[in-house]
Amino acid sequence: MQPLQIGKYSVRYPLIQGGMGVRISAGRLAGHVAKSGGVGLVAAAGIALNSGLYDGRNFFQAETEAFKAELRKAYEIAPDGIIGVNVMVALSDFEPLVKAAIDGGAKIIVCGAGLPMGLPELTADHPDVALVPIVSSLRAAQLIVRKWRKAYNRLPDAVVVEDPDTAGGHLGEKMENIGTGEYDQYATIRDIKAYFRDECGANIPVIAAGGIWDRADLEHALAEGADGVQMASRFVCTEECDASDEFKQRYIDCTAEDIGLIMSPAGLPGRAILSNKENIRQYDLDHHTACRMGCLKKCSYKESGERFCIVTALDRAQRGDVETGMVFCGTNAWKADRITTVQAIFDELFGDVPEK
């Protein structure tokens, strides 16, 4: 398999570890993925929670400090690794977090949950930082490219194409359009590659995300035209993942039927293990939870108390309360059957196949 070139960075293996917010993919996981030869991502969303830096009043300050602390931790593990970040456009502190990522030495910035139209302006003084938007359609990619070319004379360094039918966490598609069987991820990937080639005169890598679990999935993605893959759920059940043991065990114990869609207060569908769905909302009712952080630009819980506080629900699960907390995952999470290591996953995906 060929190395993956993203901007000025050559990644030994064509794999990006997907960003999983609220400290599921923090410095330890990202560092070990980078050490093994992939791109390790520290996810920005809710990174201050359970960090020791948040005192109940200083959320936004703690977010930027915790973000930089996790990047330092990742680089301690993989000093020469390709370490980046995932920053959701939907976050209230999107711009400060992008700046904190640059200050922390992030080599790649991946952005989803919205279109990062102004991202090149925020990174203008740091041209070596690779910029990678997440999209689910050719149209979204075209909108970003047209804006970036006109305003900043810049193209993305790569694009991640996320399959809403299989990916975990927040999804960039309307609820009613998910699972209809109409979406063709690899047709979208080929269309975006052709657009870059024919309209931009550029060979930009396009990465497949969603539903990638094993070597067969990886090889299928590459055969269908992807230049690499992004994997998130597969790395949860590793010793190096920053989640609690209880969070990881929920993956091991769940069935395919436990995994489904829920409407996030962010206004986006999310995929999670929903066997405890009623308890998530009930926790906020029982504890009269108020929005203390304002972490999202748009949030129905912040605005009207509708649904639930998503960041605290994710935080509870990360700490080990999987009865009232939310466990995000992709459709293949049920395939997890043991705790392994990051290196073992890389060995499976990229190691030599013995002759039959």
Protein backbone atom coordinates (compact mmCIF):
# COMPACT_ATOMS: atom_id res chain seq x y z
CA MET A 1 0.00 0.00 0.00
CA GLN A 2 1.25 3.44 -0.90
CA PRO A 3 1.99 6.11 1.72
CA LEU A 4 -0.62 8.85 2.06
CA GLN A 5 0.52 12.36 1.16
CA ILE A 6 -1.45 15.11 2.92
CA GLY A 7 0.01 18.50 2.15
CA LYS A 8 3.70 18.36 3.00
CA TYR A 9 3.29 15.27 5.20
CA SER A 10 3.92 11.73 4.04
CA VAL A 11 2.04 9.24 6.19
CA ARG A 12 3.51 5.74 6.21
CA TYR A 13 0.11 4.04 6.10
CA PRO A 14 -3.03 5.43 4.40
CA LEU A 15 -5.00 5.69 7.64
CA ILE A 16 -6.37 8.56 9.68
CA GLN A 17 -7.70 7.81 13.15
CA GLY A 18 -11.06 9.56 13.32
CA GLY A 19 -11.70 12.26 15.88
CA MET A 20 -13.93 11.15 18.78
CA GLY A 21 -14.94 14.03 21.02
CA VAL A 22 -15.12 14.46 24.78
CA ARG A 23 -11.79 12.72 25.39
CA ILE A 24 -12.39 9.44 23.57
CA SER A 25 -9.56 10.31 21.17
CA ALA A 26 -7.23 12.46 23.23
CA GLY A 27 -3.45 12.53 23.39
CA ARG A 28 -2.76 8.91 24.29
CA LEU A 29 -4.71 7.36 21.42
CA ALA A 30 -3.58 9.94 18.88
CA GLY A 31 0.04 9.53 19.91
CA HIS A 32 0.02 5.75 19.60
CA VAL A 33 -1.71 5.85 16.20
CA ALA A 34 0.93 8.29 14.96
CA LYS A 35 3.69 6.11 16.46
CA SER A 36 2.32 3.12 14.53
CA GLY A 37 2.45 5.02 11.22
CA GLY A 38 -0.99 6.60 10.80
CA VAL A 39 -2.42 10.05 11.41
CA GLY A 40 -3.45 10.46 15.04
CA LEU A 41 -6.16 13.02 15.77
CA VAL A 42 -6.96 14.72 19.07
CA ALA A 43 -10.64 15.70 19.06
CA ALA A 44 -11.38 19.21 20.35
CA ALA A 45 -15.00 18.90 21.44
CA GLY A 46 -15.31 18.77 25.23
CA ILE A 47 -11.60 18.16 25.70
CA ALA A 48 -11.62 20.21 28.93
CA LEU A 49 -14.02 17.88 30.69
CA ASN A 50 -12.30 15.36 32.96
CA SER A 51 -8.98 17.10 32.24
CA GLY A 52 -8.37 18.65 35.65
CA LEU A 53 -8.36 22.11 34.05
CA TYR A 54 -12.10 22.85 34.07
CA ASP A 55 -13.37 24.26 37.37
CA GLY A 56 -17.04 24.65 36.43
CA ARG A 57 -16.66 28.27 35.34
CA ASN A 58 -13.75 28.50 32.89
CA PHE A 59 -14.88 26.14 30.12
CA PHE A 60 -13.57 27.98 27.07
CA GLN A 61 -10.21 28.80 28.63
CA ALA A 62 -9.88 25.22 29.84
CA GLU A 63 -10.75 23.90 26.37
CA THR A 64 -7.80 25.59 24.69
CA GLU A 65 -5.38 24.70 27.49
CA ALA A 66 -6.52 21.06 27.62
CA PHE A 67 -6.31 20.85 23.82
CA LYS A 68 -2.68 21.94 23.82
CA ALA A 69 -1.92 19.63 26.76
CA GLU A 70 -3.24 16.62 24.85
CA LEU A 71 -1.21 17.54 21.79
CA ARG A 72 1.90 17.69 24.00
CA LYS A 73 1.03 14.26 25.37
CA ALA A 74 0.65 12.87 21.85
CA TYR A 75 4.02 14.26 20.76
CA GLU A 76 5.70 12.79 23.85
CA ILE A 77 4.55 9.39 22.57
CA ALA A 78 5.36 10.03 18.90
CA PRO A 79 7.84 12.94 18.62
CA ASP A 80 8.13 12.55 14.85
CA GLY A 81 4.57 11.38 14.22
CA ILE A 82 1.90 12.94 12.06
CA ILE A 83 -0.44 14.31 14.73
CA GLY A 84 -3.44 16.47 13.99
CA VAL A 85 -6.78 17.52 15.38
CA ASN A 86 -10.48 17.28 14.68
CA VAL A 87 -12.36 20.53 15.33
CA MET A 88 -16.12 20.60 14.74
CA VAL A 89 -17.31 23.73 12.92
CA ALA A 90 -20.42 23.60 15.14
CA LEU A 91 -18.41 24.41 18.29
CA SER A 92 -18.89 27.84 19.82
CA ASP A 93 -15.13 28.20 20.26
CA PHE A 94 -14.19 26.88 16.82
CA GLU A 95 -11.78 29.73 16.05
CA PRO A 96 -9.91 29.71 19.40
CA LEU A 97 -9.58 25.93 19.18
CA VAL A 98 -8.09 26.13 15.66
CA LYS A 99 -5.58 28.68 16.95
CA ALA A 100 -4.81 26.48 19.96
CA ALA A 101 -4.24 23.53 17.62
CA ILE A 102 -1.69 25.56 15.68
CA ASP A 103 0.00 26.68 18.91
CA GLY A 104 0.10 23.03 20.01
CA GLY A 105 1.88 21.94 16.85
CA ALA A 106 -0.92 20.17 15.01
CA LYS A 107 0.21 19.21 11.52
CA ILE A 108 -3.27 18.51 10.15
CA ILE A 109 -6.63 20.10 10.98
CA VAL A 110 -9.71 18.04 10.12
CA CYS A 111 -13.09 19.80 10.29
CA GLY A 112 -16.61 18.40 10.12
CA ALA A 113 -20.09 19.09 11.56
CA GLY A 114 -20.40 22.07 9.24
CA LEU A 115 -18.46 23.51 6.33
CA PRO A 116 -15.20 25.22 7.39
CA MET A 117 -15.48 28.12 4.96
CA GLY A 118 -13.09 30.45 6.82
CA LEU A 119 -10.52 27.89 7.92
CA PRO A 120 -7.71 29.07 5.58
CA GLU A 121 -7.92 32.57 7.04
CA LEU A 122 -7.36 31.22 10.55
CA THR A 123 -4.28 29.31 9.40
CA ALA A 124 -2.92 31.87 6.91
CA ASP A 125 0.30 32.43 8.89
CA HIS A 126 0.95 28.69 9.08
CA PRO A 127 0.88 27.39 5.49
CA ASP A 128 2.44 24.06 6.44
CA VAL A 129 -0.63 23.05 8.46
CA ALA A 130 -2.70 20.74 6.24
CA LEU A 131 -6.43 21.50 6.03
CA VAL A 132 -8.89 18.62 5.60
CA PRO A 133 -12.67 19.16 5.48
CA ILE A 134 -15.17 16.34 6.03
CA VAL A 135 -18.03 16.16 3.54
CA SER A 136 -20.67 13.68 2.46
CA SER A 137 -21.41 15.04 -1.01
CA LEU A 138 -19.77 16.44 -4.12
CA ARG A 139 -21.77 19.64 -3.67
CA ALA A 140 -20.33 20.27 -0.20
CA ALA A 141 -16.81 19.76 -1.54
CA GLN A 142 -17.50 22.15 -4.42
CA LEU A 143 -18.83 24.84 -2.06
CA ILE A 144 -15.70 24.66 0.07
CA VAL A 145 -13.33 24.63 -2.90
CA ARG A 146 -15.00 27.59 -4.62
CA LYS A 147 -14.85 29.67 -1.45
CA TRP A 148 -11.27 28.71 -0.63
CA ARG A 149 -10.00 29.34 -4.16
CA LYS A 150 -11.71 32.70 -4.53
CA ALA A 151 -11.02 34.09 -1.07
CA TYR A 152 -7.72 32.43 -0.14
CA ASN A 153 -6.25 30.93 -3.34
CA ARG A 154 -6.06 27.61 -1.52
CA LEU A 155 -7.30 24.07 -2.03
CA PRO A 156 -7.87 21.46 0.67
CA ASP A 157 -4.88 19.22 1.29
CA ALA A 158 -7.25 16.23 1.46
CA VAL A 159 -10.96 15.59 1.81
CA VAL A 160 -12.66 13.02 4.03
CA VAL A 161 -15.89 11.59 2.59
CA GLU A 162 -18.03 10.30 5.45
CA ASP A 163 -20.73 7.72 4.83
CA PRO A 164 -23.75 8.74 6.95
CA ASP A 165 -25.16 5.22 6.65
CA THR A 166 -22.29 3.73 8.66
CA ALA A 167 -20.29 6.43 10.47
CA GLY A 168 -20.53 7.12 14.18
CA GLY A 169 -21.16 10.33 16.09
CA HIS A 170 -22.60 13.42 14.46
CA LEU A 171 -23.53 12.94 10.81
CA GLY A 172 -23.68 15.49 8.02
CA GLU A 173 -27.00 14.39 6.56
CA LYS A 174 -30.69 14.83 7.29
CA MET A 175 -32.21 12.07 9.39
CA GLU A 176 -34.71 11.08 6.72
CA ASN A 177 -31.95 10.55 4.14
CA ILE A 178 -29.91 8.12 6.23
CA GLY A 179 -30.31 4.41 5.62
CA THR A 180 -32.43 4.69 2.48
CA GLY A 181 -29.89 2.76 0.42
CA GLU A 182 -29.51 5.65 -2.03
CA TYR A 183 -26.16 6.97 -0.83
CA ASP A 184 -23.12 5.70 -2.72
CA GLN A 185 -19.98 6.66 -0.83
CA TYR A 186 -17.48 5.45 -3.40
CA ALA A 187 -19.29 7.10 -6.29
CA THR A 188 -19.07 10.31 -4.26
CA ILE A 189 -15.34 9.75 -3.71
CA ARG A 190 -14.73 9.18 -7.41
CA ASP A 191 -16.79 12.25 -8.32
CA ILE A 192 -14.81 14.44 -5.92
CA LYS A 193 -11.50 13.11 -7.21
CA ALA A 194 -12.62 13.82 -10.77
CA TYR A 195 -13.72 17.32 -9.77
CA PHE A 196 -10.31 18.10 -8.31
CA ARG A 197 -8.58 16.67 -11.36
CA ASP A 198 -10.76 18.21 -14.07
CA GLU A 199 -11.78 21.53 -12.52
CA CYS A 200 -8.80 22.29 -10.27
CA GLY A 201 -5.97 20.50 -12.05
CA ALA A 202 -4.94 18.92 -8.76
CA ASN A 203 -4.49 15.44 -7.40
CA ILE A 204 -6.02 15.79 -3.94
CA PRO A 205 -6.30 12.66 -1.77
CA VAL A 206 -9.84 11.66 -0.87
CA ILE A 207 -10.32 9.55 2.25
CA ALA A 208 -13.17 7.11 2.94
CA ALA A 209 -14.74 7.28 6.41
CA GLY A 210 -17.52 5.22 7.94
CA GLY A 211 -17.83 1.47 8.29
CA ILE A 212 -14.11 0.71 7.91
CA TRP A 213 -13.30 -2.07 10.37
CA ASP A 214 -10.86 -4.65 9.01
CA ARG A 215 -8.36 -5.28 6.24
CA ALA A 216 -11.06 -6.34 3.79
CA ASP A 217 -12.83 -3.00 4.31
CA LEU A 218 -9.56 -1.14 3.84
CA GLU A 219 -8.69 -2.98 0.64
CA HIS A 220 -12.21 -2.49 -0.70
CA ALA A 221 -12.00 1.25 -0.08
CA LEU A 222 -8.69 1.52 -1.90
CA ALA A 223 -9.94 -0.62 -4.78
CA GLU A 224 -12.99 1.64 -5.13
CA GLY A 225 -10.84 4.73 -5.57
CA ALA A 226 -10.18 6.06 -2.07
CA ASP A 227 -6.63 7.15 -1.31
CA GLY A 228 -6.92 6.11 2.32
CA VAL A 229 -9.37 5.48 5.13
CA GLN A 230 -10.43 7.12 8.34
CA MET A 231 -11.19 4.72 11.20
CA ALA A 232 -12.57 5.67 14.60
CA SER A 233 -14.74 3.00 16.24
CA ARG A 234 -12.13 0.29 15.64
CA PHE A 235 -9.67 2.09 17.94
CA VAL A 236 -12.04 2.40 20.92
CA CYS A 237 -11.36 -1.10 22.27
CA THR A 238 -7.63 -0.60 22.59
CA GLU A 239 -5.50 -0.26 25.67
CA GLU A 240 -4.42 3.16 24.44
CA CYS A 241 -7.89 4.66 23.90
CA ASP A 242 -8.64 7.49 26.33
CA ALA A 243 -12.15 6.22 27.18
CA SER A 244 -13.07 4.43 30.40
CA ASP A 245 -13.02 0.66 30.63
CA GLU A 246 -16.82 0.73 30.95
CA PHE A 247 -17.11 2.67 27.68
CA LYS A 248 -14.99 0.08 25.90
CA GLN A 249 -16.96 -2.77 27.44
CA ARG A 250 -20.18 -1.29 26.07
CA TYR A 251 -18.76 -1.80 22.58
CA ILE A 252 -17.84 -5.39 23.37
CA ASP A 253 -21.27 -6.15 24.86
CA CYS A 254 -23.48 -4.40 22.29
CA THR A 255 -25.33 -6.04 19.41
CA ALA A 256 -25.94 -4.62 15.96
CA GLU A 257 -29.55 -3.97 17.02
CA ASP A 258 -28.38 -1.76 19.91
CA ILE A 259 -26.85 0.74 17.49
CA GLY A 260 -29.11 3.42 16.04
CA LEU A 261 -29.75 7.06 15.30
CA ILE A 262 -30.69 9.81 17.72
CA MET A 263 -31.27 13.50 17.01
CA SER A 264 -28.60 15.55 18.73
CA PRO A 265 -29.45 18.94 20.26
CA ALA A 266 -26.85 20.24 17.79
CA GLY A 267 -29.49 19.72 15.09
CA LEU A 268 -27.63 16.80 13.53
CA PRO A 269 -28.39 13.09 13.64
CA GLY A 270 -25.95 11.03 15.67
CA ARG A 271 -25.23 7.30 15.73
CA ALA A 272 -24.77 5.68 19.12
CA ILE A 273 -25.49 2.64 21.28
CA LEU A 274 -29.08 3.34 22.29
CA SER A 275 -29.93 0.54 24.70
CA ASN A 276 -29.97 3.21 27.44
CA LYS A 277 -31.65 5.92 25.35
CA GLU A 278 -34.37 6.81 27.87
CA ASN A 279 -31.84 7.23 30.68
CA ILE A 280 -29.90 9.92 28.83
CA ARG A 281 -32.74 12.42 28.82
CA GLN A 282 -33.98 11.32 32.24
CA TYR A 283 -30.65 12.17 33.85
CA ASP A 284 -31.03 15.84 32.91
CA LEU A 285 -34.62 15.88 34.17
CA ASP A 286 -33.70 14.25 37.48
CA HIS A 287 -30.71 16.48 38.10
CA HIS A 288 -32.20 19.70 36.67
CA THR A 289 -29.14 19.99 34.46
CA ALA A 290 -28.63 23.46 33.06
CA CYS A 291 -26.47 24.48 30.13
CA ARG A 292 -23.32 25.71 31.86
CA MET A 293 -20.90 25.70 28.97
CA GLY A 294 -22.62 26.82 25.78
CA CYS A 295 -20.26 24.54 23.85
CA LEU A 296 -22.28 24.52 20.61
CA LYS A 297 -23.19 27.45 18.38
CA LYS A 298 -26.63 25.92 17.88
CA CYS A 299 -28.13 23.72 20.58
CA SER A 300 -31.79 23.02 21.32
CA TYR A 301 -30.95 22.14 24.92
CA LYS A 302 -29.18 25.45 25.47
CA GLU A 303 -31.96 27.39 23.79
CA SER A 304 -35.11 25.67 25.09
CA GLY A 305 -34.19 22.67 27.24
CA GLU A 306 -35.24 20.30 24.44
CA ARG A 307 -33.63 16.83 24.25
CA PHE A 308 -30.55 16.61 26.51
CA CYS A 309 -27.14 18.13 27.22
CA ILE A 310 -24.99 16.21 24.81
CA VAL A 311 -21.55 17.19 26.08
CA THR A 312 -22.31 16.11 29.65
CA ALA A 313 -23.96 12.90 28.39
CA LEU A 314 -20.80 12.08 26.43
CA ASP A 315 -18.63 13.08 29.38
CA ARG A 316 -20.47 10.73 31.73
CA ALA A 317 -19.87 7.83 29.37
CA GLN A 318 -16.21 8.72 28.92
CA ARG A 319 -15.79 8.59 32.71
CA GLY A 320 -17.58 5.24 32.98
CA ASP A 321 -21.29 5.99 33.50
CA VAL A 322 -22.62 4.14 30.48
CA GLU A 323 -26.08 3.74 32.03
CA THR A 324 -26.97 7.44 31.75
CA GLY A 325 -24.18 8.56 29.41
CA MET A 326 -24.08 8.48 25.61
CA VAL A 327 -21.76 6.11 23.76
CA PHE A 328 -21.23 7.24 20.17
CA CYS A 329 -20.18 4.55 17.69
CA GLY A 330 -20.31 3.46 14.06
CA THR A 331 -22.45 0.64 12.74
CA ASN A 332 -19.67 -1.92 13.13
CA ALA A 333 -18.99 -1.35 16.85
CA TRP A 334 -20.70 -4.65 17.65
CA LYS A 335 -17.80 -6.44 15.98
CA ALA A 336 -15.51 -5.54 18.88
CA ASP A 337 -14.89 -8.69 20.91
CA ARG A 338 -11.80 -7.91 23.01
CA ILE A 339 -9.40 -5.22 24.16
CA THR A 340 -6.40 -5.07 21.84
CA THR A 341 -3.65 -2.57 21.06
CA VAL A 342 -3.20 0.09 18.41
CA GLN A 343 -0.12 -1.68 17.07
CA ALA A 344 -2.01 -4.98 16.77
CA ILE A 345 -4.65 -3.26 14.64
CA PHE A 346 -1.96 -1.81 12.36
CA ASP A 347 -0.34 -5.24 12.10
CA GLU A 348 -3.67 -6.72 11.01
CA LEU A 349 -4.41 -3.96 8.52
CA PHE A 350 -0.98 -3.54 6.98
CA GLY A 351 1.11 -6.58 7.88
CA ASP A 352 2.25 -9.16 5.36
CA VAL A 353 -0.40 -11.67 4.39
CA PRO A 354 0.98 -15.23 4.69
CA GLU A 355 0.95 -17.27 1.53
CA LYS A 356 -1.71 -19.98 1.32
